[in-house]
Amino acid sequence: MDKECCTCTCGAEVPESELFARLDETLNEYHGKPGNLIPILQIAQVLFGYLPEKVLKYISKDLNIPYSEVAGVVSFYSFFSTHPRGKYLIRVCLGTACYVRGGKEVLNSLKKILKIDVGETTEDRLFSLEVGRCFGACGLAPVILVNEKVHQRVKPSKIADLLAEYKSSEDTEGELQ
């Protein structure tokens, strides 16, 4: 392992060697327990912010599980990501009610303003964009989630203002540090 630094999900720069040391603790804790792969992957994703190939191979080797099996689990579950995610994960509901009430237009507006496609992250790693099928808020359609915060009756014309709120909170946080 080299001495590169990574930005963990806490936002701090942490040496990669320290992240792998924490991963080793997790692997030791779950060693030999049935069904250990998913919890280990979840913890690894929290540590690294995503699951790079290097981490998947490390887990595969430690657990003596074929890499293809580990990668298959990661690609099957949508909550795992093999690419860095932004600080703000935007999920657009495209369930029936949201779709009929303009969810697709909301998605297109987000793609245009952020200059990314579904599954991508902005260059500044502030926003990632994903879609969902139903968030259980059909009466409030169209709905988007930003991390865990629900935004209801979203209009494409208001997307820029919504994103500006998150960007300005970044500016404020930067001033406080």
N, C-alpha and C. Protein backbone atom coordinates (compact mmCIF):
# COMPACT_ATOMS: atom_id res chain seq x y z
N MET A 1 0.84 -1.19 0.00
CA MET A 1 0.00 0.00 0.00
C MET A 1 0.87 1.24 0.00
N ASP A 2 0.45 2.20 -0.76
CA ASP A 2 1.23 3.43 -0.81
C ASP A 2 0.73 4.40 0.24
N LYS A 3 1.36 5.57 0.24
CA LYS A 3 1.04 6.54 1.27
C LYS A 3 0.08 7.61 0.79
N GLU A 4 -0.74 7.28 -0.24
CA GLU A 4 -1.67 8.30 -0.70
C GLU A 4 -2.69 8.61 0.39
N CYS A 5 -3.27 9.80 0.25
CA CYS A 5 -4.32 10.19 1.17
C CYS A 5 -5.65 10.02 0.45
N CYS A 6 -6.63 9.70 1.21
CA CYS A 6 -7.98 9.57 0.69
C CYS A 6 -8.88 10.48 1.50
N THR A 7 -9.96 10.90 0.88
CA THR A 7 -10.96 11.65 1.62
C THR A 7 -12.03 10.67 2.04
N CYS A 8 -12.11 10.40 3.33
CA CYS A 8 -13.12 9.46 3.80
C CYS A 8 -14.47 10.16 3.85
N THR A 9 -15.51 9.43 4.20
CA THR A 9 -16.85 10.00 4.19
C THR A 9 -17.02 11.08 5.26
N CYS A 10 -16.11 11.16 6.21
CA CYS A 10 -16.20 12.21 7.22
C CYS A 10 -15.69 13.54 6.66
N GLY A 11 -15.10 13.50 5.45
CA GLY A 11 -14.61 14.71 4.81
C GLY A 11 -13.15 15.01 5.11
N ALA A 12 -12.55 14.24 6.00
CA ALA A 12 -11.16 14.49 6.37
C ALA A 12 -10.21 13.74 5.44
N GLU A 13 -9.02 14.28 5.27
CA GLU A 13 -7.97 13.58 4.53
C GLU A 13 -7.34 12.58 5.49
N VAL A 14 -7.39 11.32 5.13
CA VAL A 14 -6.86 10.25 5.97
C VAL A 14 -5.90 9.44 5.12
N PRO A 15 -4.72 9.13 5.64
CA PRO A 15 -3.80 8.30 4.86
C PRO A 15 -4.46 6.96 4.51
N GLU A 16 -4.24 6.52 3.27
CA GLU A 16 -4.83 5.27 2.81
C GLU A 16 -4.45 4.11 3.74
N SER A 17 -3.22 4.13 4.25
CA SER A 17 -2.77 3.05 5.13
C SER A 17 -3.64 2.97 6.38
N GLU A 18 -4.10 4.12 6.88
CA GLU A 18 -4.96 4.12 8.07
C GLU A 18 -6.34 3.55 7.73
N LEU A 19 -6.85 3.88 6.54
CA LEU A 19 -8.14 3.33 6.13
C LEU A 19 -8.06 1.81 6.01
N PHE A 20 -6.96 1.31 5.44
CA PHE A 20 -6.79 -0.13 5.33
C PHE A 20 -6.61 -0.77 6.70
N ALA A 21 -5.98 -0.07 7.63
CA ALA A 21 -5.84 -0.60 9.00
C ALA A 21 -7.23 -0.74 9.64
N ARG A 22 -8.08 0.24 9.41
CA ARG A 22 -9.45 0.16 9.94
C ARG A 22 -10.22 -0.97 9.26
N LEU A 23 -9.99 -1.15 7.97
CA LEU A 23 -10.63 -2.25 7.25
C LEU A 23 -10.15 -3.58 7.81
N ASP A 24 -8.86 -3.68 8.15
CA ASP A 24 -8.33 -4.91 8.75
C ASP A 24 -9.05 -5.23 10.06
N GLU A 25 -9.31 -4.20 10.87
CA GLU A 25 -10.04 -4.41 12.13
C GLU A 25 -11.42 -4.99 11.84
N THR A 26 -12.09 -4.46 10.82
CA THR A 26 -13.41 -4.95 10.46
C THR A 26 -13.34 -6.39 9.96
N LEU A 27 -12.36 -6.67 9.12
CA LEU A 27 -12.20 -8.04 8.61
C LEU A 27 -11.95 -9.02 9.75
N ASN A 28 -11.15 -8.61 10.73
CA ASN A 28 -10.89 -9.48 11.89
C ASN A 28 -12.16 -9.69 12.71
N GLU A 29 -12.93 -8.63 12.88
CA GLU A 29 -14.17 -8.71 13.67
C GLU A 29 -15.18 -9.67 13.03
N TYR A 30 -15.27 -9.64 11.71
CA TYR A 30 -16.26 -10.45 11.01
C TYR A 30 -15.72 -11.79 10.50
N HIS A 31 -14.46 -12.06 10.73
CA HIS A 31 -13.82 -13.29 10.23
C HIS A 31 -14.60 -14.53 10.68
N GLY A 32 -14.96 -15.36 9.71
CA GLY A 32 -15.62 -16.62 10.01
C GLY A 32 -17.10 -16.53 10.30
N LYS A 33 -17.66 -15.33 10.35
CA LYS A 33 -19.10 -15.20 10.62
C LYS A 33 -19.88 -15.41 9.32
N PRO A 34 -20.95 -16.18 9.39
CA PRO A 34 -21.78 -16.37 8.18
C PRO A 34 -22.38 -15.05 7.72
N GLY A 35 -22.44 -14.86 6.42
CA GLY A 35 -23.04 -13.64 5.87
C GLY A 35 -22.22 -12.40 6.11
N ASN A 36 -20.91 -12.54 6.23
CA ASN A 36 -20.07 -11.40 6.61
C ASN A 36 -19.75 -10.44 5.46
N LEU A 37 -19.92 -10.85 4.22
CA LEU A 37 -19.47 -10.03 3.09
C LEU A 37 -20.20 -8.69 3.02
N ILE A 38 -21.51 -8.68 3.10
CA ILE A 38 -22.25 -7.41 2.95
C ILE A 38 -21.92 -6.43 4.08
N PRO A 39 -21.91 -6.85 5.34
CA PRO A 39 -21.52 -5.87 6.38
C PRO A 39 -20.10 -5.33 6.20
N ILE A 40 -19.19 -6.19 5.76
CA ILE A 40 -17.81 -5.74 5.53
C ILE A 40 -17.78 -4.72 4.40
N LEU A 41 -18.51 -4.99 3.32
CA LEU A 41 -18.57 -4.04 2.21
C LEU A 41 -19.20 -2.72 2.63
N GLN A 42 -20.23 -2.78 3.45
CA GLN A 42 -20.87 -1.55 3.93
C GLN A 42 -19.89 -0.71 4.74
N ILE A 43 -19.16 -1.34 5.62
CA ILE A 43 -18.20 -0.61 6.45
C ILE A 43 -17.07 -0.07 5.57
N ALA A 44 -16.60 -0.87 4.62
CA ALA A 44 -15.54 -0.42 3.72
C ALA A 44 -16.00 0.80 2.93
N GLN A 45 -17.25 0.80 2.48
CA GLN A 45 -17.76 1.94 1.73
C GLN A 45 -17.82 3.20 2.60
N VAL A 46 -18.17 3.03 3.85
CA VAL A 46 -18.18 4.18 4.76
C VAL A 46 -16.75 4.70 4.96
N LEU A 47 -15.81 3.79 5.11
CA LEU A 47 -14.42 4.20 5.32
C LEU A 47 -13.85 4.94 4.11
N PHE A 48 -13.99 4.36 2.93
CA PHE A 48 -13.36 4.89 1.72
C PHE A 48 -14.24 5.86 0.94
N GLY A 49 -15.54 5.88 1.26
CA GLY A 49 -16.47 6.74 0.53
C GLY A 49 -17.06 6.06 -0.69
N TYR A 50 -16.44 4.98 -1.13
CA TYR A 50 -16.90 4.15 -2.23
C TYR A 50 -16.07 2.87 -2.18
N LEU A 51 -16.27 1.97 -3.14
CA LEU A 51 -15.56 0.70 -3.13
C LEU A 51 -14.67 0.57 -4.37
N PRO A 52 -13.45 1.11 -4.30
CA PRO A 52 -12.55 0.98 -5.44
C PRO A 52 -12.11 -0.47 -5.62
N GLU A 53 -11.66 -0.79 -6.82
CA GLU A 53 -11.24 -2.15 -7.15
C GLU A 53 -10.18 -2.67 -6.17
N LYS A 54 -9.26 -1.81 -5.78
CA LYS A 54 -8.19 -2.18 -4.85
C LYS A 54 -8.77 -2.71 -3.53
N VAL A 55 -9.83 -2.08 -3.05
CA VAL A 55 -10.47 -2.49 -1.80
C VAL A 55 -11.21 -3.82 -1.99
N LEU A 56 -11.90 -3.95 -3.11
CA LEU A 56 -12.63 -5.20 -3.38
C LEU A 56 -11.66 -6.38 -3.46
N LYS A 57 -10.52 -6.18 -4.12
CA LYS A 57 -9.53 -7.25 -4.22
C LYS A 57 -8.94 -7.60 -2.85
N TYR A 58 -8.74 -6.58 -2.04
CA TYR A 58 -8.20 -6.77 -0.69
C TYR A 58 -9.17 -7.62 0.14
N ILE A 59 -10.45 -7.27 0.07
CA ILE A 59 -11.48 -8.01 0.81
C ILE A 59 -11.58 -9.44 0.28
N SER A 60 -11.56 -9.58 -1.04
CA SER A 60 -11.63 -10.89 -1.68
C SER A 60 -10.50 -11.80 -1.19
N LYS A 61 -9.31 -11.27 -1.18
CA LYS A 61 -8.13 -12.04 -0.76
C LYS A 61 -8.24 -12.43 0.71
N ASP A 62 -8.61 -11.46 1.55
CA ASP A 62 -8.68 -11.72 2.98
C ASP A 62 -9.74 -12.77 3.32
N LEU A 63 -10.90 -12.70 2.64
CA LEU A 63 -11.99 -13.63 2.93
C LEU A 63 -11.86 -14.94 2.14
N ASN A 64 -10.88 -14.98 1.25
CA ASN A 64 -10.69 -16.15 0.39
C ASN A 64 -11.96 -16.43 -0.43
N ILE A 65 -12.51 -15.36 -0.99
CA ILE A 65 -13.69 -15.42 -1.85
C ILE A 65 -13.24 -14.92 -3.22
N PRO A 66 -13.67 -15.56 -4.29
CA PRO A 66 -13.28 -15.06 -5.62
C PRO A 66 -13.67 -13.60 -5.82
N TYR A 67 -12.77 -12.86 -6.46
CA TYR A 67 -13.03 -11.44 -6.73
C TYR A 67 -14.36 -11.27 -7.48
N SER A 68 -14.64 -12.17 -8.41
CA SER A 68 -15.87 -12.07 -9.20
C SER A 68 -17.11 -12.13 -8.32
N GLU A 69 -17.05 -12.89 -7.25
CA GLU A 69 -18.19 -12.99 -6.33
C GLU A 69 -18.36 -11.67 -5.55
N VAL A 70 -17.26 -11.12 -5.07
CA VAL A 70 -17.30 -9.85 -4.33
C VAL A 70 -17.82 -8.75 -5.25
N ALA A 71 -17.26 -8.65 -6.45
CA ALA A 71 -17.68 -7.63 -7.41
C ALA A 71 -19.14 -7.84 -7.82
N GLY A 72 -19.57 -9.08 -7.91
CA GLY A 72 -20.97 -9.38 -8.25
C GLY A 72 -21.93 -8.87 -7.20
N VAL A 73 -21.59 -9.05 -5.94
CA VAL A 73 -22.43 -8.55 -4.85
C VAL A 73 -22.50 -7.03 -4.91
N VAL A 74 -21.36 -6.39 -5.13
CA VAL A 74 -21.32 -4.92 -5.19
C VAL A 74 -22.16 -4.40 -6.35
N SER A 75 -22.07 -5.04 -7.50
CA SER A 75 -22.84 -4.55 -8.66
C SER A 75 -24.33 -4.87 -8.53
N PHE A 76 -24.70 -5.87 -7.74
CA PHE A 76 -26.10 -6.24 -7.58
C PHE A 76 -26.87 -5.24 -6.72
N TYR A 77 -26.25 -4.79 -5.63
CA TYR A 77 -26.95 -3.90 -4.69
C TYR A 77 -26.69 -2.44 -5.02
N SER A 78 -27.77 -1.69 -5.19
CA SER A 78 -27.65 -0.29 -5.63
C SER A 78 -27.02 0.63 -4.58
N PHE A 79 -27.01 0.22 -3.33
CA PHE A 79 -26.43 1.11 -2.32
C PHE A 79 -24.91 1.05 -2.30
N PHE A 80 -24.31 0.12 -3.04
CA PHE A 80 -22.85 0.09 -3.17
C PHE A 80 -22.44 0.90 -4.38
N SER A 81 -21.31 1.57 -4.29
CA SER A 81 -20.80 2.36 -5.40
C SER A 81 -19.32 2.08 -5.60
N THR A 82 -18.94 1.89 -6.87
CA THR A 82 -17.53 1.68 -7.19
C THR A 82 -16.89 2.98 -7.68
N HIS A 83 -17.63 4.06 -7.60
CA HIS A 83 -17.11 5.38 -7.98
C HIS A 83 -17.33 6.34 -6.82
N PRO A 84 -16.44 7.32 -6.66
CA PRO A 84 -16.63 8.28 -5.57
C PRO A 84 -17.98 8.98 -5.70
N ARG A 85 -18.64 9.14 -4.60
CA ARG A 85 -19.92 9.85 -4.58
C ARG A 85 -19.70 11.25 -4.03
N GLY A 86 -20.61 12.11 -4.39
CA GLY A 86 -20.55 13.47 -3.90
C GLY A 86 -21.03 13.57 -2.46
N LYS A 87 -20.78 14.70 -1.87
CA LYS A 87 -21.23 14.95 -0.50
C LYS A 87 -22.74 14.87 -0.43
N TYR A 88 -23.40 15.35 -1.48
CA TYR A 88 -24.86 15.33 -1.55
C TYR A 88 -25.30 14.34 -2.62
N LEU A 89 -25.95 13.28 -2.19
CA LEU A 89 -26.47 12.27 -3.10
C LEU A 89 -27.91 12.65 -3.43
N ILE A 90 -28.14 12.99 -4.68
CA ILE A 90 -29.48 13.38 -5.13
C ILE A 90 -30.12 12.17 -5.80
N ARG A 91 -31.27 11.77 -5.28
CA ARG A 91 -32.03 10.66 -5.87
C ARG A 91 -33.36 11.21 -6.37
N VAL A 92 -33.63 11.00 -7.63
CA VAL A 92 -34.87 11.46 -8.25
C VAL A 92 -35.82 10.29 -8.34
N CYS A 93 -37.02 10.45 -7.82
CA CYS A 93 -38.02 9.39 -7.90
C CYS A 93 -38.61 9.36 -9.30
N LEU A 94 -38.60 8.18 -9.89
CA LEU A 94 -39.24 7.97 -11.19
C LEU A 94 -40.31 6.90 -11.09
N GLY A 95 -40.87 6.74 -9.89
CA GLY A 95 -42.03 5.87 -9.72
C GLY A 95 -43.20 6.46 -10.49
N THR A 96 -44.27 5.74 -10.62
CA THR A 96 -45.39 6.15 -11.48
C THR A 96 -45.89 7.55 -11.18
N ALA A 97 -46.22 7.84 -9.93
CA ALA A 97 -46.78 9.16 -9.59
C ALA A 97 -45.79 10.28 -9.90
N CYS A 98 -44.55 10.09 -9.51
CA CYS A 98 -43.53 11.12 -9.75
C CYS A 98 -43.27 11.29 -11.24
N TYR A 99 -43.22 10.18 -11.96
CA TYR A 99 -42.98 10.25 -13.41
C TYR A 99 -44.10 11.02 -14.10
N VAL A 100 -45.34 10.67 -13.77
CA VAL A 100 -46.50 11.33 -14.39
C VAL A 100 -46.55 12.81 -14.06
N ARG A 101 -46.10 13.17 -12.86
CA ARG A 101 -46.16 14.57 -12.42
C ARG A 101 -44.88 15.35 -12.71
N GLY A 102 -44.00 14.82 -13.55
CA GLY A 102 -42.85 15.60 -13.99
C GLY A 102 -41.50 15.17 -13.49
N GLY A 103 -41.39 13.98 -12.93
CA GLY A 103 -40.12 13.49 -12.41
C GLY A 103 -39.03 13.43 -13.48
N LYS A 104 -39.40 13.03 -14.68
CA LYS A 104 -38.41 12.93 -15.77
C LYS A 104 -37.87 14.32 -16.12
N GLU A 105 -38.73 15.33 -16.13
CA GLU A 105 -38.29 16.70 -16.41
C GLU A 105 -37.38 17.22 -15.29
N VAL A 106 -37.70 16.86 -14.06
CA VAL A 106 -36.84 17.23 -12.92
C VAL A 106 -35.46 16.60 -13.11
N LEU A 107 -35.44 15.33 -13.47
CA LEU A 107 -34.17 14.63 -13.71
C LEU A 107 -33.38 15.31 -14.82
N ASN A 108 -34.05 15.63 -15.92
CA ASN A 108 -33.37 16.28 -17.04
C ASN A 108 -32.80 17.64 -16.64
N SER A 109 -33.54 18.37 -15.82
CA SER A 109 -33.06 19.67 -15.34
C SER A 109 -31.81 19.50 -14.48
N LEU A 110 -31.82 18.52 -13.60
CA LEU A 110 -30.65 18.25 -12.75
C LEU A 110 -29.44 17.86 -13.60
N LYS A 111 -29.66 17.00 -14.58
CA LYS A 111 -28.57 16.57 -15.46
C LYS A 111 -27.97 17.77 -16.20
N LYS A 112 -28.83 18.65 -16.66
CA LYS A 112 -28.37 19.82 -17.42
C LYS A 112 -27.58 20.79 -16.53
N ILE A 113 -28.13 21.10 -15.37
CA ILE A 113 -27.49 22.07 -14.48
C ILE A 113 -26.19 21.51 -13.89
N LEU A 114 -26.22 20.24 -13.47
CA LEU A 114 -25.03 19.64 -12.85
C LEU A 114 -24.00 19.18 -13.88
N LYS A 115 -24.44 19.07 -15.13
CA LYS A 115 -23.57 18.60 -16.22
C LYS A 115 -23.03 17.19 -15.95
N ILE A 116 -23.91 16.34 -15.41
CA ILE A 116 -23.59 14.94 -15.19
C ILE A 116 -24.79 14.09 -15.58
N ASP A 117 -24.56 12.80 -15.71
CA ASP A 117 -25.64 11.87 -16.01
C ASP A 117 -25.92 11.03 -14.76
N VAL A 118 -26.94 10.23 -14.81
CA VAL A 118 -27.28 9.34 -13.70
C VAL A 118 -26.09 8.43 -13.44
N GLY A 119 -25.75 8.28 -12.16
CA GLY A 119 -24.63 7.45 -11.77
C GLY A 119 -23.31 8.19 -11.72
N GLU A 120 -23.32 9.47 -12.03
CA GLU A 120 -22.08 10.25 -12.05
C GLU A 120 -22.03 11.24 -10.89
N THR A 121 -20.85 11.81 -10.71
CA THR A 121 -20.58 12.78 -9.65
C THR A 121 -19.96 14.01 -10.27
N THR A 122 -20.32 15.19 -9.76
CA THR A 122 -19.73 16.41 -10.27
C THR A 122 -18.23 16.43 -9.97
N GLU A 123 -17.49 17.18 -10.76
CA GLU A 123 -16.03 17.23 -10.61
C GLU A 123 -15.60 17.66 -9.21
N ASP A 124 -16.37 18.56 -8.60
CA ASP A 124 -16.02 19.04 -7.26
C ASP A 124 -16.44 18.07 -6.16
N ARG A 125 -17.00 16.92 -6.55
CA ARG A 125 -17.50 15.89 -5.63
C ARG A 125 -18.52 16.41 -4.65
N LEU A 126 -19.29 17.40 -5.10
CA LEU A 126 -20.35 17.94 -4.25
C LEU A 126 -21.66 17.18 -4.46
N PHE A 127 -21.98 16.84 -5.72
CA PHE A 127 -23.25 16.19 -6.02
C PHE A 127 -23.07 14.91 -6.81
N SER A 128 -23.86 13.89 -6.46
CA SER A 128 -24.00 12.67 -7.26
C SER A 128 -25.47 12.54 -7.60
N LEU A 129 -25.76 11.92 -8.74
CA LEU A 129 -27.13 11.83 -9.23
C LEU A 129 -27.52 10.38 -9.45
N GLU A 130 -28.67 10.00 -8.87
CA GLU A 130 -29.21 8.66 -9.04
C GLU A 130 -30.72 8.74 -9.20
N VAL A 131 -31.32 7.64 -9.62
CA VAL A 131 -32.78 7.57 -9.71
C VAL A 131 -33.28 6.47 -8.80
N GLY A 132 -34.53 6.59 -8.40
CA GLY A 132 -35.19 5.58 -7.59
C GLY A 132 -36.56 5.31 -8.18
N ARG A 133 -37.19 4.26 -7.71
CA ARG A 133 -38.48 3.89 -8.27
C ARG A 133 -39.67 4.31 -7.43
N CYS A 134 -39.53 4.40 -6.15
CA CYS A 134 -40.62 4.90 -5.31
C CYS A 134 -40.07 5.20 -3.93
N PHE A 135 -40.35 6.40 -3.44
CA PHE A 135 -39.88 6.78 -2.11
C PHE A 135 -41.02 6.81 -1.10
N GLY A 136 -42.21 6.38 -1.53
CA GLY A 136 -43.35 6.32 -0.61
C GLY A 136 -43.95 7.68 -0.31
N ALA A 137 -43.77 8.64 -1.21
CA ALA A 137 -44.32 9.99 -1.01
C ALA A 137 -45.11 10.40 -2.25
N CYS A 138 -45.91 9.49 -2.76
CA CYS A 138 -46.61 9.70 -4.03
C CYS A 138 -47.50 10.93 -4.02
N GLY A 139 -48.11 11.24 -2.90
CA GLY A 139 -48.98 12.41 -2.81
C GLY A 139 -48.22 13.72 -2.89
N LEU A 140 -46.89 13.67 -2.78
CA LEU A 140 -46.06 14.86 -2.80
C LEU A 140 -45.27 14.98 -4.11
N ALA A 141 -45.62 14.15 -5.08
CA ALA A 141 -44.86 14.05 -6.33
C ALA A 141 -44.82 15.35 -7.12
N PRO A 142 -43.72 15.54 -7.87
CA PRO A 142 -42.51 14.73 -7.91
C PRO A 142 -41.60 15.01 -6.72
N VAL A 143 -40.88 13.99 -6.33
CA VAL A 143 -40.05 14.03 -5.12
C VAL A 143 -38.60 13.73 -5.47
N ILE A 144 -37.69 14.44 -4.81
CA ILE A 144 -36.28 14.07 -4.85
C ILE A 144 -35.78 13.99 -3.41
N LEU A 145 -34.77 13.15 -3.21
CA LEU A 145 -34.08 13.07 -1.93
C LEU A 145 -32.69 13.65 -2.12
N VAL A 146 -32.28 14.50 -1.22
CA VAL A 146 -30.89 14.95 -1.17
C VAL A 146 -30.36 14.40 0.15
N ASN A 147 -29.49 13.42 0.02
CA ASN A 147 -29.10 12.57 1.15
C ASN A 147 -30.39 11.99 1.72
N GLU A 148 -30.80 12.34 2.89
CA GLU A 148 -32.05 11.79 3.44
C GLU A 148 -33.17 12.82 3.51
N LYS A 149 -32.92 14.03 3.02
CA LYS A 149 -33.93 15.09 3.08
C LYS A 149 -34.85 15.02 1.86
N VAL A 150 -36.16 14.97 2.12
CA VAL A 150 -37.16 14.89 1.06
C VAL A 150 -37.52 16.30 0.59
N HIS A 151 -37.49 16.47 -0.73
CA HIS A 151 -37.96 17.71 -1.34
C HIS A 151 -39.18 17.34 -2.16
N GLN A 152 -40.30 17.99 -1.88
CA GLN A 152 -41.58 17.63 -2.49
C GLN A 152 -42.04 18.63 -3.53
N ARG A 153 -42.87 18.14 -4.42
CA ARG A 153 -43.46 18.97 -5.49
C ARG A 153 -42.39 19.82 -6.19
N VAL A 154 -41.32 19.15 -6.54
CA VAL A 154 -40.17 19.82 -7.15
C VAL A 154 -40.50 20.21 -8.58
N LYS A 155 -40.14 21.41 -8.94
CA LYS A 155 -40.36 21.91 -10.30
C LYS A 155 -39.00 22.09 -10.97
N PRO A 156 -38.91 21.69 -12.24
CA PRO A 156 -37.63 21.85 -12.95
C PRO A 156 -37.10 23.29 -12.90
N SER A 157 -38.00 24.27 -12.92
CA SER A 157 -37.57 25.67 -12.91
C SER A 157 -36.97 26.09 -11.57
N LYS A 158 -37.15 25.28 -10.53
CA LYS A 158 -36.64 25.62 -9.20
C LYS A 158 -35.38 24.83 -8.81
N ILE A 159 -34.91 23.97 -9.72
CA ILE A 159 -33.75 23.13 -9.41
C ILE A 159 -32.51 23.97 -9.11
N ALA A 160 -32.26 24.99 -9.90
CA ALA A 160 -31.06 25.82 -9.69
C ALA A 160 -31.08 26.45 -8.30
N ASP A 161 -32.25 26.92 -7.86
CA ASP A 161 -32.37 27.51 -6.52
C ASP A 161 -32.11 26.46 -5.43
N LEU A 162 -32.65 25.27 -5.63
CA LEU A 162 -32.46 24.19 -4.66
C LEU A 162 -30.97 23.84 -4.53
N LEU A 163 -30.30 23.69 -5.67
CA LEU A 163 -28.87 23.37 -5.64
C LEU A 163 -28.05 24.51 -5.03
N ALA A 164 -28.47 25.73 -5.29
CA ALA A 164 -27.76 26.90 -4.74
C ALA A 164 -27.78 26.88 -3.21
N GLU A 165 -28.88 26.39 -2.62
CA GLU A 165 -28.94 26.30 -1.15
C GLU A 165 -27.84 25.37 -0.62
N TYR A 166 -27.64 24.25 -1.30
CA TYR A 166 -26.61 23.31 -0.86
C TYR A 166 -25.22 23.87 -1.11
N LYS A 167 -25.04 24.55 -2.23
CA LYS A 167 -23.74 25.16 -2.52
C LYS A 167 -23.42 26.26 -1.52
N SER A 168 -24.43 27.06 -1.16
CA SER A 168 -24.19 28.16 -0.22
C SER A 168 -23.90 27.61 1.18
N SER A 169 -24.49 26.47 1.53
CA SER A 169 -24.18 25.89 2.84
C SER A 169 -22.72 25.41 2.85
N GLU A 170 -22.20 25.01 1.70
CA GLU A 170 -20.78 24.65 1.59
C GLU A 170 -19.90 25.88 1.82
N ASP A 171 -20.30 27.00 1.22
CA ASP A 171 -19.53 28.24 1.38
C ASP A 171 -19.52 28.66 2.84
N THR A 172 -20.67 28.54 3.51
CA THR A 172 -20.77 28.92 4.91
C THR A 172 -19.91 28.01 5.77
N GLU A 173 -19.94 26.69 5.50
CA GLU A 173 -19.11 25.75 6.26
C GLU A 173 -17.64 26.08 6.08
N GLY A 174 -17.25 26.43 4.84
CA GLY A 174 -15.86 26.76 4.55
C GLY A 174 -15.40 27.97 5.35
N GLU A 175 -16.30 28.95 5.52
CA GLU A 175 -15.94 30.15 6.29
C GLU A 175 -15.78 29.85 7.76
N LEU A 176 -16.54 28.87 8.26
CA LEU A 176 -16.50 28.55 9.69
C LEU A 176 -15.27 27.76 10.06
N GLN A 177 -14.65 27.08 9.09
CA GLN A 177 -13.51 26.23 9.42
C GLN A 177 -12.23 27.01 9.51
